[in-house]
């Protein structure tokens, strides 16, 4: 990929859209309707970039599942 000044830049994938299913799976959840809806709500509240940045990596660099919220517990997602 070349920038406007002609310099080659590596593709990172950051220019690709992230949908709620991607965010749910990045957090170690199955993309169930409840998990996808929770991710959709978070994206609507804080934006895609912040939602992704709020998914911290574990020691090996992989995304981790954040602790369940009270809403997750009520929806039956607390161990999903």
N, C-alpha and C. Protein backbone atom coordinates (compact mmCIF):
# COMPACT_ATOMS: atom_id res chain seq x y z
N UNK A 1 0.85 -1.17 0.00
CA UNK A 1 0.00 0.00 0.00
C UNK A 1 0.90 1.23 0.00
N UNK A 2 0.60 2.18 -0.84
CA UNK A 2 1.40 3.39 -0.91
C UNK A 2 0.62 4.56 -0.36
N UNK A 3 1.32 5.43 0.31
CA UNK A 3 0.70 6.66 0.81
C UNK A 3 0.75 7.69 -0.31
N UNK A 4 0.15 8.84 -0.05
CA UNK A 4 0.11 9.88 -1.08
C UNK A 4 1.50 10.37 -1.45
N UNK A 5 2.48 10.20 -0.54
CA UNK A 5 3.84 10.63 -0.88
C UNK A 5 4.64 9.51 -1.56
N UNK A 6 3.97 8.37 -1.82
CA UNK A 6 4.63 7.29 -2.52
C UNK A 6 5.35 6.30 -1.63
N UNK A 7 5.43 6.56 -0.32
CA UNK A 7 6.12 5.64 0.58
C UNK A 7 5.27 4.41 0.82
N UNK A 8 5.91 3.25 0.80
CA UNK A 8 5.18 2.01 1.08
C UNK A 8 4.95 1.88 2.58
N UNK A 9 3.73 1.50 2.94
CA UNK A 9 3.37 1.29 4.34
C UNK A 9 2.77 -0.11 4.46
N UNK A 10 3.10 -0.82 5.53
CA UNK A 10 2.50 -2.14 5.71
C UNK A 10 1.01 -2.02 6.01
N UNK A 11 0.25 -3.03 5.58
CA UNK A 11 -1.17 -3.08 5.91
C UNK A 11 -1.31 -3.71 7.29
N UNK A 12 -2.06 -3.07 8.15
CA UNK A 12 -2.25 -3.60 9.50
C UNK A 12 -3.63 -4.19 9.70
N UNK A 13 -4.54 -3.93 8.80
CA UNK A 13 -5.91 -4.38 8.98
C UNK A 13 -6.74 -3.36 9.73
N UNK A 14 -6.10 -2.34 10.26
CA UNK A 14 -6.82 -1.32 11.02
C UNK A 14 -7.79 -0.53 10.15
N UNK A 15 -7.59 -0.59 8.84
CA UNK A 15 -8.49 0.14 7.95
C UNK A 15 -9.74 -0.68 7.63
N UNK A 16 -9.81 -1.91 8.13
CA UNK A 16 -10.97 -2.77 7.89
C UNK A 16 -12.04 -2.48 8.95
N UNK A 17 -13.31 -2.54 8.56
CA UNK A 17 -14.37 -2.29 9.54
C UNK A 17 -14.46 -3.42 10.57
N UNK A 18 -14.82 -3.07 11.78
CA UNK A 18 -15.03 -4.04 12.86
C UNK A 18 -16.52 -4.05 13.14
N UNK A 19 -17.12 -5.21 13.06
CA UNK A 19 -18.55 -5.28 13.35
C UNK A 19 -18.75 -5.90 14.73
N UNK A 20 -19.96 -5.86 15.27
CA UNK A 20 -20.19 -6.38 16.62
C UNK A 20 -19.81 -7.85 16.78
N UNK A 21 -19.99 -8.65 15.74
CA UNK A 21 -19.59 -10.05 15.83
C UNK A 21 -18.08 -10.17 16.04
N UNK A 22 -17.31 -9.35 15.32
CA UNK A 22 -15.86 -9.35 15.48
C UNK A 22 -15.47 -8.99 16.91
N UNK A 23 -16.12 -7.96 17.45
CA UNK A 23 -15.80 -7.50 18.81
C UNK A 23 -16.14 -8.58 19.83
N UNK A 24 -17.29 -9.21 19.68
CA UNK A 24 -17.67 -10.29 20.61
C UNK A 24 -16.64 -11.42 20.57
N UNK A 25 -16.25 -11.83 19.38
CA UNK A 25 -15.27 -12.91 19.25
C UNK A 25 -13.89 -12.50 19.75
N UNK A 26 -13.51 -11.25 19.55
CA UNK A 26 -12.21 -10.77 20.05
C UNK A 26 -12.16 -10.83 21.57
N UNK A 27 -13.32 -10.81 22.19
CA UNK A 27 -13.39 -10.88 23.65
C UNK A 27 -13.57 -12.30 24.15
N UNK A 28 -13.43 -13.26 23.23
CA UNK A 28 -13.50 -14.65 23.63
C UNK A 28 -14.91 -15.18 23.78
N UNK A 29 -15.89 -14.47 23.30
CA UNK A 29 -17.27 -14.91 23.40
C UNK A 29 -17.72 -15.52 22.08
N UNK A 30 -18.63 -16.47 22.18
CA UNK A 30 -19.30 -16.96 20.97
C UNK A 30 -20.19 -15.84 20.47
N UNK A 31 -20.35 -15.70 19.16
CA UNK A 31 -21.18 -14.60 18.65
C UNK A 31 -22.68 -14.90 18.76
N UNK A 32 -23.13 -15.12 20.00
CA UNK A 32 -24.56 -15.34 20.25
C UNK A 32 -25.30 -14.03 20.05
N UNK A 33 -26.61 -14.08 19.86
CA UNK A 33 -27.36 -12.82 19.71
C UNK A 33 -27.15 -11.88 20.90
N UNK A 34 -27.06 -12.42 22.11
CA UNK A 34 -26.87 -11.57 23.29
C UNK A 34 -25.48 -10.92 23.30
N UNK A 35 -24.45 -11.70 22.99
CA UNK A 35 -23.09 -11.15 22.98
C UNK A 35 -22.93 -10.13 21.86
N UNK A 36 -23.52 -10.40 20.70
CA UNK A 36 -23.44 -9.45 19.59
C UNK A 36 -24.18 -8.17 19.93
N UNK A 37 -25.33 -8.29 20.56
CA UNK A 37 -26.09 -7.09 20.94
C UNK A 37 -25.31 -6.26 21.96
N UNK A 38 -24.67 -6.91 22.92
CA UNK A 38 -23.85 -6.19 23.92
C UNK A 38 -22.71 -5.46 23.20
N UNK A 39 -22.06 -6.11 22.26
CA UNK A 39 -20.99 -5.46 21.51
C UNK A 39 -21.53 -4.31 20.68
N UNK A 40 -22.70 -4.51 20.08
CA UNK A 40 -23.33 -3.45 19.28
C UNK A 40 -23.62 -2.21 20.16
N UNK A 41 -24.12 -2.47 21.37
CA UNK A 41 -24.40 -1.37 22.30
C UNK A 41 -23.12 -0.64 22.69
N UNK A 42 -22.07 -1.40 22.96
CA UNK A 42 -20.81 -0.76 23.34
C UNK A 42 -20.25 0.08 22.20
N UNK A 43 -20.31 -0.44 20.99
CA UNK A 43 -19.85 0.32 19.83
C UNK A 43 -20.66 1.61 19.70
N UNK A 44 -21.96 1.53 19.92
CA UNK A 44 -22.81 2.72 19.83
C UNK A 44 -22.47 3.72 20.93
N UNK A 45 -22.12 3.23 22.12
CA UNK A 45 -21.83 4.11 23.25
C UNK A 45 -20.46 4.78 23.16
N UNK A 46 -19.43 4.01 22.83
CA UNK A 46 -18.07 4.55 22.90
C UNK A 46 -17.37 4.62 21.55
N UNK A 47 -17.95 4.03 20.53
CA UNK A 47 -17.32 4.02 19.21
C UNK A 47 -16.49 2.77 19.02
N UNK A 48 -16.30 2.41 17.77
CA UNK A 48 -15.60 1.16 17.44
C UNK A 48 -14.17 1.18 17.94
N UNK A 49 -13.46 2.26 17.66
CA UNK A 49 -12.03 2.31 18.04
C UNK A 49 -11.85 2.12 19.54
N UNK A 50 -12.65 2.83 20.35
CA UNK A 50 -12.51 2.72 21.80
C UNK A 50 -12.91 1.33 22.29
N UNK A 51 -13.96 0.77 21.71
CA UNK A 51 -14.39 -0.58 22.11
C UNK A 51 -13.28 -1.60 21.85
N UNK A 52 -12.62 -1.48 20.71
CA UNK A 52 -11.51 -2.39 20.40
C UNK A 52 -10.34 -2.14 21.34
N UNK A 53 -10.02 -0.89 21.58
CA UNK A 53 -8.89 -0.58 22.47
C UNK A 53 -9.16 -1.00 23.90
N UNK A 54 -10.43 -1.09 24.29
CA UNK A 54 -10.78 -1.53 25.64
C UNK A 54 -10.71 -3.04 25.79
N UNK A 55 -10.31 -3.75 24.75
CA UNK A 55 -10.14 -5.20 24.81
C UNK A 55 -8.65 -5.46 24.99
N UNK A 56 -8.20 -5.58 26.25
CA UNK A 56 -6.76 -5.71 26.49
C UNK A 56 -6.24 -7.08 26.11
N UNK A 57 -4.99 -7.16 25.68
CA UNK A 57 -4.39 -8.46 25.36
C UNK A 57 -3.99 -9.20 26.64
N UNK A 58 -3.93 -10.52 26.56
CA UNK A 58 -3.40 -11.29 27.68
C UNK A 58 -1.87 -11.33 27.56
N UNK A 59 -1.23 -12.15 28.38
CA UNK A 59 0.24 -12.20 28.38
C UNK A 59 0.82 -12.62 27.03
N UNK A 60 0.06 -13.40 26.27
CA UNK A 60 0.57 -13.85 24.97
C UNK A 60 0.20 -12.91 23.83
N UNK A 61 -0.48 -11.80 24.16
CA UNK A 61 -0.83 -10.84 23.13
C UNK A 61 -2.21 -11.05 22.53
N UNK A 62 -2.94 -12.06 23.03
CA UNK A 62 -4.28 -12.31 22.53
C UNK A 62 -5.31 -11.49 23.30
N UNK A 63 -6.40 -11.08 22.64
CA UNK A 63 -7.44 -10.35 23.37
C UNK A 63 -8.00 -11.20 24.50
N UNK A 64 -8.44 -10.54 25.56
CA UNK A 64 -9.02 -11.23 26.69
C UNK A 64 -10.47 -10.83 26.87
N UNK A 65 -11.17 -11.64 27.60
CA UNK A 65 -12.56 -11.35 27.91
C UNK A 65 -12.60 -10.45 29.13
N UNK A 66 -13.25 -9.29 29.03
CA UNK A 66 -13.36 -8.43 30.19
C UNK A 66 -14.27 -9.08 31.22
N UNK A 67 -14.18 -8.65 32.48
CA UNK A 67 -15.07 -9.23 33.48
C UNK A 67 -16.52 -8.96 33.11
N UNK A 68 -17.42 -9.89 33.44
CA UNK A 68 -18.81 -9.69 33.09
C UNK A 68 -19.42 -8.51 33.83
N UNK A 69 -20.27 -7.79 33.14
CA UNK A 69 -21.00 -6.69 33.77
C UNK A 69 -22.26 -7.25 34.40
N UNK A 70 -22.93 -6.46 35.20
CA UNK A 70 -24.20 -6.87 35.78
C UNK A 70 -25.19 -7.20 34.66
N UNK A 71 -25.18 -6.43 33.59
CA UNK A 71 -26.06 -6.69 32.45
C UNK A 71 -25.73 -8.04 31.82
N UNK A 72 -24.43 -8.39 31.72
CA UNK A 72 -24.05 -9.70 31.22
C UNK A 72 -24.62 -10.81 32.10
N UNK A 73 -24.53 -10.62 33.42
CA UNK A 73 -25.03 -11.64 34.33
C UNK A 73 -26.53 -11.83 34.16
N UNK A 74 -27.26 -10.72 34.05
CA UNK A 74 -28.71 -10.81 33.88
C UNK A 74 -29.07 -11.48 32.55
N UNK A 75 -28.26 -11.26 31.52
CA UNK A 75 -28.53 -11.84 30.21
C UNK A 75 -28.00 -13.27 30.08
N UNK A 76 -27.37 -13.78 31.15
CA UNK A 76 -26.85 -15.13 31.12
C UNK A 76 -25.53 -15.26 30.39
N UNK A 77 -24.78 -14.15 30.28
CA UNK A 77 -23.51 -14.18 29.55
C UNK A 77 -22.31 -14.27 30.48
N UNK A 78 -22.53 -14.36 31.78
CA UNK A 78 -21.41 -14.31 32.73
C UNK A 78 -20.46 -15.46 32.59
N UNK A 79 -20.23 -16.22 31.86
CA UNK A 79 -19.21 -17.23 31.69
C UNK A 79 -19.14 -17.60 30.23
N UNK A 80 -19.86 -16.87 29.44
CA UNK A 80 -19.90 -17.19 28.01
C UNK A 80 -18.67 -16.69 27.32
